[in-house]
Amino acid sequence: MAETLQLHSLYVGDLHPGVTEGQLIDTFSGIKDFVSASLCKDTLSGFSRGYGYLNFSTFEQAMETIETMNHTLINGKPIRLMWSQCDSEARRSGIGNVFVKNLASSVDNMKLHGIFTEFGTILSCKVQTSQDGESKGYGFVQFESAESAQSAIQELNGQVIEGKEIYVGPFIKKSDRIHSSTEYNNLYVKNFDQNLTEETLGEKFSVFGTITSLVISKDSNGVSKGFGFVSFENSDDAKRAKEAMDGAQLGANVLYVAKAQKKRERKQMLELQYEERRKEKIQKYKDANVFIKNINDDVDDSQLKAYFGECGLIVSAKIMRTEKGISRGFGFVCFSTPHEAQRAIRSLNGVFFHGKPLYVALAQTKEERRKLFQRLQRATIAAIPAKYPTHGYIGQHPMNPFFNLGTNWRPCGPQTPMFPTIPNFRGEYEWRNHGQAHPIGYGGGVMPTLHMPRNLQAAAYPFMNPGYHHQRLGGHFNMANGHQ
């Protein structure tokens, strides 16, 4: 059995929208030990997502590529190279990640990398920019180790770089940045025994300062709900009480003590925390989650997982079902890495499984689908001609080459039909309530307008059923003697 080739992968980002997978291959194919390149694309539109992956057979060559080709221009835009981290938890843990702000507008990714490179191996370095490519004045540098990050913070925080004093500090996740006012007097206390009295609770907390109010919440029967509120006269006393009593033993229970929040504040905090967890979950499996449709109804989750398991390590596999448990014909398979997801797409898209060809593509979030729909909608509107012919002309039928005058031919006014009119028909269609009142023949046709000659509006074509046409016109045509 052949030995499996171990690949060393790089992430290549900040790609120009016009960069193709072929360009990536051409750019890096001359490098020793280069194996392959893949460009990540939008599932529906096929547009580039602005990043991809490079695979090398040796660690040394991958490292050298980062050092020599990072920030290389492709289509006039510098690319960003970094190690591809399969461990998404480590990537988003914030370990070794540094936040930099108050950057001069002249500082780009390359300059930022040069400023921090002396402190250790840099995994990622990026200055945040607007849609126009202008610097937002802040960025992030992720080191291989926390020690390197700490050294950079100690040495560079407060330094003047290109005329501006920069701030360098540890990166803090958004969920950890949820702060309320630092000044508070009211504490929320819970998890105490139902038999605890307000007097006993007051004795425990009064040692930290003057208490202005204390209440234990009770139900309609006067039974304690196991929580209450303690308000201090001084904010510092409230803080000391919180630090000392949170987690303290009171009887058989361990107390929970925190700053009391208004209902609106609690709701806002919970919503932010939920949204952050949701985004973290989405980001955790970004580009590793595969969407599959056209799944046979008899396929279950375990069969789907086993079939796709040949492409890599599967985190989860699920077929979407109705409330009654009936398969909806589509599902999702989440892999441990984006490379495995791409392998599944390349290997299994269009392959028959239980008698049906599968459609396999990267899963998209609702926001991504919404943006894609807007792009396609704008593209569709832009493709519509600015002005249609003024006289309602409908072009020559493509199936009749004899009368085909070419796609660019347009009449300069109302045109005489290519087949003779029938003069003894009534000269007006009763077209209201009919989906297609004026059938178009192989020879093209003219949509009637008020200023057209009557004979144009009464046109008939040889292939039409005379009786049907006569009925639509509402006349009294006698097929035997030929008069009305």
Foldseek 3Di string as FASTA:
>chain_A
DDDDQDKFKKKKFQADQPDDLVNVCVVPVVQPQWDGKDFDADFPPRTTPGIIMTIGRDPVSLVVCQVPQQQPDDPRGGMHMFGDDLQLCVVPVLFQKKKKFQADQPDFQVNQCVLLVVLAAWRGWGFDADPVRTGPGIIMIGHPHNNSLVVCQVPQAQDADPRTGMHMDGDDDPLVVDDDDPFAFKKKKFWDDQPDDQVNVCVLLCVLAAWPDWDFDDDPVRTGPGIIMTGHPGRVSLVVSQVVQAQDDDPPTGMHMDGDDDPVSVVVSVVVNVVSVVVSVCSSQPLQKKKKFQADFVDAFVNVCVVLCVLAAWPGWHFDADPVRTGPGMIMTGHSGNNSLVSCQVPQQQNDDPRTRMHMDGDDDPVSVVVVVVVVVVVVVVPDDPDDDPFAWDAAAPVDVVLHPDPPDDDPHDDDDPDFFQVQFQQAFPCPPPPPRDDADNNTATDDDPPDDSRRSRHDDPVDDVVVSSVRSVGDADPPPGHD
